[in-house]
Amino acid sequence: MAVDKVAVIGGGLVGGSWAIVYARAGLPVAIHEADDSRRAAVASRIEAALARSAALLAPGDDVAAVMGRIGLAATPGEALAGADFVHECIEEKLDAKRALFARLDAEAEPGVILASATSSFPVSALAEGLAGRDRCIVAHPAAPPHLMPVTEICPAPFTRPEVIDGTFRLMERCGQVPVLIRKEVAGFVMNRMQAALMVAMLRCVDEGSITPGDADKIISEGFGLRWAFLGPFEGVDLNAPGGVREYFERYGFIFNAAARGSGLKEDVVTPQAIAALDAYARARLPLAHIPDRIAWRDEAIAALTLLKRTRPPSA
């Protein structure tokens, strides 16, 4: 499924950001915003976001050239004309999304992929009953996607494999980092992970263990420096000589106790989980190379710390 043009339906912060992602990759984009009060500001907001992120443009490209690939469409039908991929980015209301998907399915050519940026609803809830439901999929970003490339790709059981593959290939072509959500679950995975951290922070603040400001510092001046380069599993793999297996065999009781404190009745650090994590980690990095990876991590964090010092928070 080759994509030569993209339609974005919804010109808010997420829709405008997706338009940048596609246009920055050289694709023509037609964006439609139905809200009269917001339509006039769509182009100026996109241009301002592009200017702030101009360092990410391809060599030889510039803001004007990228803006030249983005056109405003008066109707969804006008946006669909010639599009091979449609990205729905309207308000997070189930009835509105269902109605739009029904319209898109009726008006888009049969081979066009219909994707949703929803952060809440599985595509089954949006496309069930549609004649073309097998071409529907969720492509949910971290926001804003033109700055944060990870994108959850969540198909329904009825989504065709070639639609999944085509969506992955488009995301990779545009510089995004797609991750496959293997089954439809509430909140997908990104929001569940973010919520777990936020809930823990809120509980600590509520019980008086820490102030909100200090809780934020634990992330911005602690974990966040490491997480900018390494995921949490990759990070703990470097925190024990025997890698992630030794780490969780030594400290797994901490996480199991935390899980029980959150209401879970079963351990989360199990022999099966440790085996899966060990297989993942050792496929990426042999144990003998851990010292080299630690050196790389330390240099990367030092460079990021220096960058942070040159860009203090604005007042």
C-alpha atoms as a PDB file:
ATOM      1  CA  MET A   1       0.000   0.000   0.000  1.00  0.00           C
ATOM      2  CA  ALA A   2       2.022   2.950  -1.264  1.00  0.00           C
ATOM      3  CA  VAL A   3       1.057   6.325   0.224  1.00  0.00           C
ATOM      4  CA  ASP A   4       1.423   9.405  -1.974  1.00  0.00           C
ATOM      5  CA  LYS A   5      -0.975  11.757  -0.181  1.00  0.00           C
ATOM      6  CA  VAL A   6      -2.400  11.985   3.336  1.00  0.00           C
ATOM      7  CA  ALA A   7      -5.667  13.456   4.587  1.00  0.00           C
ATOM      8  CA  VAL A   8      -5.844  14.669   8.197  1.00  0.00           C
ATOM      9  CA  ILE A   9      -9.332  15.224   9.578  1.00  0.00           C
ATOM     10  CA  GLY A  10      -9.191  17.537  12.570  1.00  0.00           C
ATOM     11  CA  GLY A  11      -6.945  20.576  12.748  1.00  0.00           C
ATOM     12  CA  GLY A  12      -6.340  20.799  16.483  1.00  0.00           C
ATOM     13  CA  LEU A  13      -2.993  20.366  18.226  1.00  0.00           C
ATOM     14  CA  VAL A  14      -2.702  16.669  17.362  1.00  0.00           C
ATOM     15  CA  GLY A  15      -4.015  16.980  13.803  1.00  0.00           C
ATOM     16  CA  GLY A  16      -1.754  19.922  13.060  1.00  0.00           C
ATOM     17  CA  SER A  17       1.217  18.047  14.474  1.00  0.00           C
ATOM     18  CA  TRP A  18       0.464  15.006  12.309  1.00  0.00           C
ATOM     19  CA  ALA A  19       0.268  17.275   9.265  1.00  0.00           C
ATOM     20  CA  ILE A  20       3.838  18.370  10.064  1.00  0.00           C
ATOM     21  CA  VAL A  21       4.980  14.744  10.368  1.00  0.00           C
ATOM     22  CA  TYR A  22       3.665  13.854   6.924  1.00  0.00           C
ATOM     23  CA  ALA A  23       4.629  17.074   5.138  1.00  0.00           C
ATOM     24  CA  ARG A  24       8.101  17.009   6.686  1.00  0.00           C
ATOM     25  CA  ALA A  25       8.544  13.579   5.054  1.00  0.00           C
ATOM     26  CA  GLY A  26       7.738  15.097   1.656  1.00  0.00           C
ATOM     27  CA  LEU A  27       4.094  14.034   1.412  1.00  0.00           C
ATOM     28  CA  PRO A  28       1.294  16.374   0.327  1.00  0.00           C
ATOM     29  CA  VAL A  29      -1.261  16.737   3.125  1.00  0.00           C
ATOM     30  CA  ALA A  30      -4.857  17.966   3.040  1.00  0.00           C
ATOM     31  CA  ILE A  31      -6.134  18.945   6.479  1.00  0.00           C
ATOM     32  CA  HIS A  32      -9.776  19.653   7.340  1.00  0.00           C
ATOM     33  CA  GLU A  33     -10.990  21.407  10.470  1.00  0.00           C
ATOM     34  CA  ALA A  34     -14.759  21.525  10.946  1.00  0.00           C
ATOM     35  CA  ASP A  35     -14.816  24.066  13.786  1.00  0.00           C
ATOM     36  CA  ASP A  36     -15.274  27.553  12.333  1.00  0.00           C
ATOM     37  CA  SER A  37     -13.684  29.188  15.374  1.00  0.00           C
ATOM     38  CA  ARG A  38     -10.468  27.196  14.954  1.00  0.00           C
ATOM     39  CA  ARG A  39     -10.196  26.886  11.198  1.00  0.00           C
ATOM     40  CA  ALA A  40      -8.620  30.290  10.582  1.00  0.00           C
ATOM     41  CA  ALA A  41      -5.774  29.585  13.028  1.00  0.00           C
ATOM     42  CA  VAL A  42      -4.808  26.136  11.737  1.00  0.00           C
ATOM     43  CA  ALA A  43      -2.167  27.269   9.232  1.00  0.00           C
ATOM     44  CA  SER A  44      -0.551  29.840  11.519  1.00  0.00           C
ATOM     45  CA  ARG A  45      -0.359  27.372  14.400  1.00  0.00           C
ATOM     46  CA  ILE A  46       1.247  24.731  12.176  1.00  0.00           C
ATOM     47  CA  GLU A  47       3.747  27.232  10.815  1.00  0.00           C
ATOM     48  CA  ALA A  48       4.715  28.363  14.317  1.00  0.00           C
ATOM     49  CA  ALA A  49       5.235  24.751  15.440  1.00  0.00           C
ATOM     50  CA  LEU A  50       7.329  24.098  12.338  1.00  0.00           C
ATOM     51  CA  ALA A  51       9.496  27.129  13.026  1.00  0.00           C
ATOM     52  CA  ARG A  52      10.138  25.974  16.597  1.00  0.00           C
ATOM     53  CA  SER A  53      11.212  22.546  15.345  1.00  0.00           C
ATOM     54  CA  ALA A  54      13.075  23.640  12.204  1.00  0.00           C
ATOM     55  CA  ALA A  55      16.201  21.821  13.385  1.00  0.00           C
ATOM     56  CA  LEU A  56      14.404  18.542  12.610  1.00  0.00           C
ATOM     57  CA  LEU A  57      13.802  19.359   8.945  1.00  0.00           C
ATOM     58  CA  ALA A  58      15.647  17.376   6.294  1.00  0.00           C
ATOM     59  CA  PRO A  59      18.799  19.005   4.877  1.00  0.00           C
ATOM     60  CA  GLY A  60      17.836  21.514   2.212  1.00  0.00           C
ATOM     61  CA  ASP A  61      14.232  21.733   3.400  1.00  0.00           C
ATOM     62  CA  ASP A  62      12.732  24.757   5.121  1.00  0.00           C
ATOM     63  CA  VAL A  63       9.536  25.890   6.816  1.00  0.00           C
ATOM     64  CA  ALA A  64       8.116  27.494   3.681  1.00  0.00           C
ATOM     65  CA  ALA A  65       8.650  24.349   1.630  1.00  0.00           C
ATOM     66  CA  VAL A  66       6.962  22.150   4.237  1.00  0.00           C
ATOM     67  CA  MET A  67       4.037  24.565   4.540  1.00  0.00           C
ATOM     68  CA  GLY A  68       3.709  24.407   0.765  1.00  0.00           C
ATOM     69  CA  ARG A  69       2.859  20.711   1.062  1.00  0.00           C
ATOM     70  CA  ILE A  70      -0.018  21.364   3.486  1.00  0.00           C
ATOM     71  CA  GLY A  71      -3.358  22.456   2.104  1.00  0.00           C
ATOM     72  CA  LEU A  72      -6.561  23.322   3.959  1.00  0.00           C
ATOM     73  CA  ALA A  73      -9.642  21.428   2.795  1.00  0.00           C
ATOM     74  CA  ALA A  74     -13.134  22.880   3.178  1.00  0.00           C
ATOM     75  CA  THR A  75     -14.784  19.463   3.688  1.00  0.00           C
ATOM     76  CA  PRO A  76     -13.713  15.925   4.601  1.00  0.00           C
ATOM     77  CA  GLY A  77     -14.583  14.908   1.038  1.00  0.00           C
ATOM     78  CA  GLU A  78     -12.218  17.518  -0.368  1.00  0.00           C
ATOM     79  CA  ALA A  79      -9.454  16.272   1.958  1.00  0.00           C
ATOM     80  CA  LEU A  80     -10.042  12.679   0.803  1.00  0.00           C
ATOM     81  CA  ALA A  81      -9.522  13.479  -2.874  1.00  0.00           C
ATOM     82  CA  GLY A  82      -6.456  11.536  -3.968  1.00  0.00           C
ATOM     83  CA  ALA A  83      -5.496  10.513  -0.431  1.00  0.00           C
ATOM     84  CA  ASP A  84      -4.110   7.035   0.251  1.00  0.00           C
ATOM     85  CA  PHE A  85      -4.059   7.339   4.042  1.00  0.00           C
ATOM     86  CA  VAL A  86      -6.544   9.171   6.283  1.00  0.00           C
ATOM     87  CA  HIS A  87      -5.734  10.130   9.862  1.00  0.00           C
ATOM     88  CA  GLU A  88      -8.735  11.075  12.013  1.00  0.00           C
ATOM     89  CA  CYS A  89      -7.786  13.543  14.751  1.00  0.00           C
ATOM     90  CA  ILE A  90     -11.094  15.031  15.905  1.00  0.00           C
ATOM     91  CA  GLU A  91     -12.310  15.527  19.471  1.00  0.00           C
ATOM     92  CA  GLU A  92     -12.289  12.515  21.788  1.00  0.00           C
ATOM     93  CA  LYS A  93     -16.023  11.783  21.568  1.00  0.00           C
ATOM     94  CA  LEU A  94     -17.049   8.286  20.580  1.00  0.00           C
ATOM     95  CA  ASP A  95     -20.261   9.200  18.754  1.00  0.00           C
ATOM     96  CA  ALA A  96     -18.489  11.859  16.687  1.00  0.00           C
ATOM     97  CA  LYS A  97     -15.693   9.479  15.741  1.00  0.00           C
ATOM     98  CA  ARG A  98     -18.137   6.727  14.802  1.00  0.00           C
ATOM     99  CA  ALA A  99     -20.092   9.091  12.590  1.00  0.00           C
ATOM    100  CA  LEU A 100     -16.910  10.336  10.916  1.00  0.00           C
ATOM    101  CA  PHE A 101     -15.600   6.813  10.295  1.00  0.00           C
ATOM    102  CA  ALA A 102     -18.914   5.872   8.715  1.00  0.00           C
ATOM    103  CA  ARG A 103     -18.611   8.862   6.392  1.00  0.00           C
ATOM    104  CA  LEU A 104     -14.962   8.171   5.598  1.00  0.00           C
ATOM    105  CA  ASP A 105     -15.700   4.527   4.845  1.00  0.00           C
ATOM    106  CA  ALA A 106     -18.502   5.541   2.500  1.00  0.00           C
ATOM    107  CA  GLU A 107     -16.491   8.214   0.660  1.00  0.00           C
ATOM    108  CA  ALA A 108     -12.890   6.961   0.599  1.00  0.00           C
ATOM    109  CA  GLU A 109     -11.682   4.676  -2.171  1.00  0.00           C
ATOM    110  CA  PRO A 110     -11.558   0.991  -1.133  1.00  0.00           C
ATOM    111  CA  GLY A 111      -7.754   0.785  -0.817  1.00  0.00           C
ATOM    112  CA  VAL A 112      -7.404   3.804   1.465  1.00  0.00           C
ATOM    113  CA  ILE A 113      -6.309   3.138   5.067  1.00  0.00           C
ATOM    114  CA  LEU A 114      -8.484   4.795   7.711  1.00  0.00           C
ATOM    115  CA  ALA A 115      -6.559   5.504  10.930  1.00  0.00           C
ATOM    116  CA  SER A 116      -7.570   7.140  14.183  1.00  0.00           C
ATOM    117  CA  ALA A 117      -5.368   9.083  16.580  1.00  0.00           C
ATOM    118  CA  THR A 118      -7.725   8.237  19.449  1.00  0.00           C
ATOM    119  CA  SER A 119      -6.158   7.783  22.875  1.00  0.00           C
ATOM    120  CA  SER A 120      -9.245   6.103  24.362  1.00  0.00           C
ATOM    121  CA  PHE A 121     -11.259   3.955  21.989  1.00  0.00           C
ATOM    122  CA  PRO A 122     -10.300   0.695  20.266  1.00  0.00           C
ATOM    123  CA  VAL A 123     -10.856   0.711  16.547  1.00  0.00           C
ATOM    124  CA  SER A 124     -13.496  -1.989  17.072  1.00  0.00           C
ATOM    125  CA  ALA A 125     -15.612   0.649  18.804  1.00  0.00           C
ATOM    126  CA  LEU A 126     -15.185   3.052  15.874  1.00  0.00           C
ATOM    127  CA  ALA A 127     -15.528   0.756  12.875  1.00  0.00           C
ATOM    128  CA  GLU A 128     -17.638  -2.231  13.941  1.00  0.00           C
ATOM    129  CA  GLY A 129     -20.370  -2.758  11.372  1.00  0.00           C
ATOM    130  CA  LEU A 130     -18.706  -0.786   8.574  1.00  0.00           C
ATOM    131  CA  ALA A 131     -18.382  -2.437   5.187  1.00  0.00           C
ATOM    132  CA  GLY A 132     -14.699  -1.468   5.098  1.00  0.00           C
ATOM    133  CA  ARG A 133     -13.894  -2.098   8.736  1.00  0.00           C
ATOM    134  CA  ASP A 134     -10.919  -4.280   7.784  1.00  0.00           C
ATOM    135  CA  ARG A 135      -8.991  -1.205   6.583  1.00  0.00           C
ATOM    136  CA  CYS A 136      -9.388   0.630   9.914  1.00  0.00           C
ATOM    137  CA  ILE A 137      -6.654   0.944  12.546  1.00  0.00           C
ATOM    138  CA  VAL A 138      -5.509   3.113  15.452  1.00  0.00           C
ATOM    139  CA  ALA A 139      -2.282   5.137  15.121  1.00  0.00           C
ATOM    140  CA  HIS A 140      -2.064   6.845  18.520  1.00  0.00           C
ATOM    141  CA  PRO A 141       0.877   9.185  19.116  1.00  0.00           C
ATOM    142  CA  ALA A 142       2.720  10.595  22.028  1.00  0.00           C
ATOM    143  CA  ALA A 143       1.859  14.279  21.810  1.00  0.00           C
ATOM    144  CA  PRO A 144       2.974  16.185  19.876  1.00  0.00           C
ATOM    145  CA  PRO A 145       3.930  13.555  17.297  1.00  0.00           C
ATOM    146  CA  HIS A 146       6.175  15.875  15.277  1.00  0.00           C
ATOM    147  CA  LEU A 147       8.467  16.026  18.330  1.00  0.00           C
ATOM    148  CA  MET A 148       7.785  12.670  20.017  1.00  0.00           C
ATOM    149  CA  PRO A 149       7.983   9.933  17.392  1.00  0.00           C
ATOM    150  CA  VAL A 150       6.700   6.865  19.258  1.00  0.00           C
ATOM    151  CA  THR A 151       3.317   5.822  17.862  1.00  0.00           C
ATOM    152  CA  GLU A 152       1.065   3.020  19.054  1.00  0.00           C
ATOM    153  CA  ILE A 153      -0.309   0.938  16.185  1.00  0.00           C
ATOM    154  CA  CYS A 154      -3.370  -0.935  17.439  1.00  0.00           C
ATOM    155  CA  PRO A 155      -5.379  -3.007  14.972  1.00  0.00           C
ATOM    156  CA  ALA A 156      -8.709  -4.672  15.643  1.00  0.00           C
ATOM    157  CA  PRO A 157      -9.024  -8.444  15.232  1.00  0.00           C
ATOM    158  CA  PHE A 158     -10.647  -7.700  11.869  1.00  0.00           C
ATOM    159  CA  THR A 159      -7.925  -5.335  10.553  1.00  0.00           C
ATOM    160  CA  ARG A 160      -6.183  -6.764   7.480  1.00  0.00           C
ATOM    161  CA  PRO A 161      -2.472  -7.614   7.917  1.00  0.00           C
ATOM    162  CA  GLU A 162      -1.537  -5.472   4.919  1.00  0.00           C
ATOM    163  CA  VAL A 163      -3.178  -2.455   6.608  1.00  0.00           C
ATOM    164  CA  ILE A 164      -1.014  -3.011   9.694  1.00  0.00           C
ATOM    165  CA  ASP A 165       2.085  -3.410   7.538  1.00  0.00           C
ATOM    166  CA  GLY A 166       1.242  -0.361   5.419  1.00  0.00           C
ATOM    167  CA  THR A 167       0.723   1.786   8.512  1.00  0.00           C
ATOM    168  CA  PHE A 168       4.039   0.646   9.978  1.00  0.00           C
ATOM    169  CA  ARG A 169       5.880   1.390   6.756  1.00  0.00           C
ATOM    170  CA  LEU A 170       4.327   4.852   6.501  1.00  0.00           C
ATOM    171  CA  MET A 171       5.263   5.700  10.077  1.00  0.00           C
ATOM    172  CA  GLU A 172       8.840   4.563   9.560  1.00  0.00           C
ATOM    173  CA  ARG A 173       9.052   6.510   6.293  1.00  0.00           C
ATOM    174  CA  CYS A 174       8.003   9.623   8.219  1.00  0.00           C
ATOM    175  CA  GLY A 175      10.564   9.130  10.980  1.00  0.00           C
ATOM    176  CA  GLN A 176       8.092   7.874  13.561  1.00  0.00           C
ATOM    177  CA  VAL A 177       8.791   4.890  15.815  1.00  0.00           C
ATOM    178  CA  PRO A 178       5.770   2.556  15.580  1.00  0.00           C
ATOM    179  CA  VAL A 179       5.090  -0.015  18.292  1.00  0.00           C
ATOM    180  CA  LEU A 180       2.528  -2.777  17.870  1.00  0.00           C
ATOM    181  CA  ILE A 181      -0.207  -3.102  20.490  1.00  0.00           C
ATOM    182  CA  ARG A 182      -1.020  -6.790  20.168  1.00  0.00           C
ATOM    183  CA  LYS A 183      -4.555  -6.700  21.537  1.00  0.00           C
ATOM    184  CA  GLU A 184      -7.207  -4.082  22.127  1.00  0.00           C
ATOM    185  CA  VAL A 185      -7.035  -2.914  25.749  1.00  0.00           C
ATOM    186  CA  ALA A 186      -8.442   0.201  27.389  1.00  0.00           C
ATOM    187  CA  GLY A 187      -5.986   3.081  27.046  1.00  0.00           C
ATOM    188  CA  PHE A 188      -3.727   0.928  24.844  1.00  0.00           C
ATOM    189  CA  VAL A 189      -0.315   0.797  26.594  1.00  0.00           C
ATOM    190  CA  MET A 190       1.221   4.260  26.549  1.00  0.00           C
ATOM    191  CA  ASN A 191      -1.535   5.839  28.621  1.00  0.00           C
ATOM    192  CA  ARG A 192      -1.577   2.903  31.031  1.00  0.00           C
ATOM    193  CA  MET A 193       2.150   3.292  31.661  1.00  0.00           C
ATOM    194  CA  GLN A 194       1.855   7.057  32.069  1.00  0.00           C
ATOM    195  CA  ALA A 195      -1.148   6.661  34.352  1.00  0.00           C
ATOM    196  CA  ALA A 196       0.680   4.182  36.586  1.00  0.00           C
ATOM    197  CA  LEU A 197       3.471   6.683  37.178  1.00  0.00           C
ATOM    198  CA  MET A 198       1.065   9.577  37.667  1.00  0.00           C
ATOM    199  CA  VAL A 199      -1.063   7.597  40.129  1.00  0.00           C
ATOM    200  CA  ALA A 200       2.038   6.733  42.173  1.00  0.00           C
ATOM    201  CA  MET A 201       3.110  10.395  42.206  1.00  0.00           C
ATOM    202  CA  LEU A 202      -0.362  11.558  43.225  1.00  0.00           C
ATOM    203  CA  ARG A 203      -0.498   9.013  46.043  1.00  0.00           C
ATOM    204  CA  CYS A 204       2.881  10.147  47.372  1.00  0.00           C
ATOM    205  CA  VAL A 205       1.777  13.794  47.286  1.00  0.00           C
ATOM    206  CA  ASP A 206      -1.598  12.996  48.852  1.00  0.00           C
ATOM    207  CA  GLU A 207      -0.059  11.056  51.735  1.00  0.00           C
ATOM    208  CA  GLY A 208       2.371  13.895  52.415  1.00  0.00           C
ATOM    209  CA  SER A 209       5.546  12.022  51.474  1.00  0.00           C
ATOM    210  CA  ILE A 210       6.702  14.668  49.007  1.00  0.00           C
ATOM    211  CA  THR A 211       5.712  17.990  47.460  1.00  0.00           C
ATOM    212  CA  PRO A 212       4.517  18.137  43.838  1.00  0.00           C
ATOM    213  CA  GLY A 213       7.626  20.093  42.850  1.00  0.00           C
ATOM    214  CA  ASP A 214      10.009  17.568  44.339  1.00  0.00           C
ATOM    215  CA  ALA A 215       8.083  14.682  42.758  1.00  0.00           C
ATOM    216  CA  ASP A 216       8.550  16.342  39.368  1.00  0.00           C
ATOM    217  CA  LYS A 217      12.292  16.734  40.057  1.00  0.00           C
ATOM    218  CA  ILE A 218      12.637  12.983  40.585  1.00  0.00           C
ATOM    219  CA  ILE A 219      11.689  12.605  36.920  1.00  0.00           C
ATOM    220  CA  SER A 220      13.227  15.707  35.325  1.00  0.00           C
ATOM    221  CA  GLU A 221      16.513  15.506  37.246  1.00  0.00           C
ATOM    222  CA  GLY A 222      16.562  11.752  37.736  1.00  0.00           C
ATOM    223  CA  PHE A 223      14.826   9.041  35.768  1.00  0.00           C
ATOM    224  CA  GLY A 224      14.066  11.325  32.842  1.00  0.00           C
ATOM    225  CA  LEU A 225      17.759  11.857  32.086  1.00  0.00           C
ATOM    226  CA  ARG A 226      18.243   8.110  31.711  1.00  0.00           C
ATOM    227  CA  TRP A 227      14.906   7.468  30.024  1.00  0.00           C
ATOM    228  CA  ALA A 228      15.805   9.941  27.269  1.00  0.00           C
ATOM    229  CA  PHE A 229      18.229   7.285  25.999  1.00  0.00           C
ATOM    230  CA  LEU A 230      17.130   3.993  27.542  1.00  0.00           C
ATOM    231  CA  GLY A 231      13.764   2.464  28.304  1.00  0.00           C
ATOM    232  CA  PRO A 232      13.260   1.343  31.911  1.00  0.00           C
ATOM    233  CA  PHE A 233      13.962  -2.313  31.072  1.00  0.00           C
ATOM    234  CA  GLU A 234      17.129  -1.339  29.191  1.00  0.00           C
ATOM    235  CA  GLY A 235      18.111   0.913  32.078  1.00  0.00           C
ATOM    236  CA  VAL A 236      17.880  -1.707  34.820  1.00  0.00           C
ATOM    237  CA  ASP A 237      19.752  -4.159  32.579  1.00  0.00           C
ATOM    238  CA  LEU A 238      22.803  -1.978  33.235  1.00  0.00           C
ATOM    239  CA  ASN A 239      22.265  -1.854  36.999  1.00  0.00           C
ATOM    240  CA  ALA A 240      23.520  -5.353  37.850  1.00  0.00           C
ATOM    241  CA  PRO A 241      26.537  -7.311  36.574  1.00  0.00           C
ATOM    242  CA  GLY A 242      24.273 -10.126  35.437  1.00  0.00           C
ATOM    243  CA  GLY A 243      21.906  -7.778  33.663  1.00  0.00           C
ATOM    244  CA  VAL A 244      18.137  -7.618  33.947  1.00  0.00           C
ATOM    245  CA  ARG A 245      17.855 -11.215  35.214  1.00  0.00           C
ATOM    246  CA  GLU A 246      20.124 -10.570  38.188  1.00  0.00           C
ATOM    247  CA  TYR A 247      18.471  -7.201  38.840  1.00  0.00           C
ATOM    248  CA  PHE A 248      14.956  -8.615  39.132  1.00  0.00           C
ATOM    249  CA  GLU A 249      16.084 -11.733  40.973  1.00  0.00           C
ATOM    250  CA  ARG A 250      17.647  -9.448  43.590  1.00  0.00           C
ATOM    251  CA  TYR A 251      15.093  -6.649  43.697  1.00  0.00           C
ATOM    252  CA  GLY A 252      11.896  -8.146  42.324  1.00  0.00           C
ATOM    253  CA  PHE A 253      10.386  -8.270  45.809  1.00  0.00           C
ATOM    254  CA  ILE A 254      10.231  -4.452  45.787  1.00  0.00           C
ATOM    255  CA  PHE A 255       8.026  -4.414  42.702  1.00  0.00           C
ATOM    256  CA  ASN A 256       5.863  -7.270  43.888  1.00  0.00           C
ATOM    257  CA  ALA A 257       5.245  -5.454  47.153  1.00  0.00           C
ATOM    258  CA  ALA A 258       4.349  -2.281  45.243  1.00  0.00           C
ATOM    259  CA  ALA A 259       1.966  -4.253  43.039  1.00  0.00           C
ATOM    260  CA  ARG A 260       0.196  -5.682  46.084  1.00  0.00           C
ATOM    261  CA  GLY A 261       0.018  -2.191  47.554  1.00  0.00           C
ATOM    262  CA  SER A 262      -1.797  -1.118  44.398  1.00  0.00           C
ATOM    263  CA  GLY A 263      -4.369  -3.871  44.794  1.00  0.00           C
ATOM    264  CA  LEU A 264      -2.908  -6.594  42.587  1.00  0.00           C
ATOM    265  CA  LYS A 265      -3.155 -10.070  44.088  1.00  0.00           C
ATOM    266  CA  GLU A 266      -0.445 -11.739  41.999  1.00  0.00           C
ATOM    267  CA  ASP A 267       3.264 -11.003  41.589  1.00  0.00           C
ATOM    268  CA  VAL A 268       4.346  -9.007  38.557  1.00  0.00           C
ATOM    269  CA  VAL A 269       7.958 -10.187  38.751  1.00  0.00           C
ATOM    270  CA  THR A 270       7.544 -13.869  37.927  1.00  0.00           C
ATOM    271  CA  PRO A 271       9.993 -16.437  36.559  1.00  0.00           C
ATOM    272  CA  GLN A 272       8.200 -16.142  33.210  1.00  0.00           C
ATOM    273  CA  ALA A 273       8.559 -12.350  33.198  1.00  0.00           C
ATOM    274  CA  ILE A 274      12.237 -12.557  34.116  1.00  0.00           C
ATOM    275  CA  ALA A 275      12.858 -15.091  31.344  1.00  0.00           C
ATOM    276  CA  ALA A 276      11.124 -12.880  28.768  1.00  0.00           C
ATOM    277  CA  LEU A 277      13.059  -9.787  29.864  1.00  0.00           C
ATOM    278  CA  ASP A 278      16.350 -11.683  29.890  1.00  0.00           C
ATOM    279  CA  ALA A 279      15.738 -12.979  26.351  1.00  0.00           C
ATOM    280  CA  TYR A 280      14.895  -9.464  25.167  1.00  0.00           C
ATOM    281  CA  ALA A 281      17.937  -7.894  26.833  1.00  0.00           C
ATOM    282  CA  ARG A 282      20.488 -10.506  25.786  1.00  0.00           C
ATOM    283  CA  ALA A 283      19.280 -10.445  22.177  1.00  0.00           C
ATOM    284  CA  ARG A 284      20.057  -6.719  22.177  1.00  0.00           C
ATOM    285  CA  LEU A 285      23.219  -6.696  24.254  1.00  0.00           C
ATOM    286  CA  PRO A 286      25.498  -9.586  25.294  1.00  0.00           C
ATOM    287  CA  LEU A 287      26.482  -9.507  28.958  1.00  0.00           C
ATOM    288  CA  ALA A 288      30.125  -8.912  28.026  1.00  0.00           C
ATOM    289  CA  HIS A 289      29.149  -5.601  26.366  1.00  0.00           C
ATOM    290  CA  ILE A 290      27.374  -4.136  29.414  1.00  0.00           C
ATOM    291  CA  PRO A 291      30.446  -2.084  30.512  1.00  0.00           C
ATOM    292  CA  ASP A 292      30.620  -0.468  27.061  1.00  0.00           C
ATOM    293  CA  ARG A 293      26.897   0.337  27.202  1.00  0.00           C
ATOM    294  CA  ILE A 294      27.315   1.865  30.668  1.00  0.00           C
ATOM    295  CA  ALA A 295      30.064   4.126  29.335  1.00  0.00           C
ATOM    296  CA  TRP A 296      27.821   5.187  26.427  1.00  0.00           C
ATOM    297  CA  ARG A 297      24.936   5.877  28.845  1.00  0.00           C
ATOM    298  CA  ASP A 298      27.110   7.980  31.123  1.00  0.00           C
ATOM    299  CA  GLU A 299      28.430  10.088  28.245  1.00  0.00           C
ATOM    300  CA  ALA A 300      24.933  10.561  26.834  1.00  0.00           C
ATOM    301  CA  ILE A 301      23.480  11.671  30.189  1.00  0.00           C
ATOM    302  CA  ALA A 302      26.392  14.056  30.717  1.00  0.00           C
ATOM    303  CA  ALA A 303      25.736  15.619  27.290  1.00  0.00           C
ATOM    304  CA  LEU A 304      22.023  15.987  28.054  1.00  0.00           C
ATOM    305  CA  THR A 305      22.783  17.535  31.447  1.00  0.00           C
ATOM    306  CA  LEU A 306      25.002  20.114  29.772  1.00  0.00           C
ATOM    307  CA  LEU A 307      22.237  20.863  27.247  1.00  0.00           C
ATOM    308  CA  LYS A 308      19.744  21.389  30.068  1.00  0.00           C
ATOM    309  CA  ARG A 309      22.105  23.918  31.661  1.00  0.00           C
ATOM    310  CA  THR A 310      22.172  25.946  28.453  1.00  0.00           C
ATOM    311  CA  ARG A 311      18.362  25.991  28.266  1.00  0.00           C
ATOM    312  CA  PRO A 312      17.038  26.911  31.713  1.00  0.00           C
ATOM    313  CA  PRO A 313      13.253  26.952  32.147  1.00  0.00           C
ATOM    314  CA  SER A 314      11.601  30.174  30.983  1.00  0.00           C
ATOM    315  CA  ALA A 315       9.892  32.304  33.600  1.00  0.00           C
END
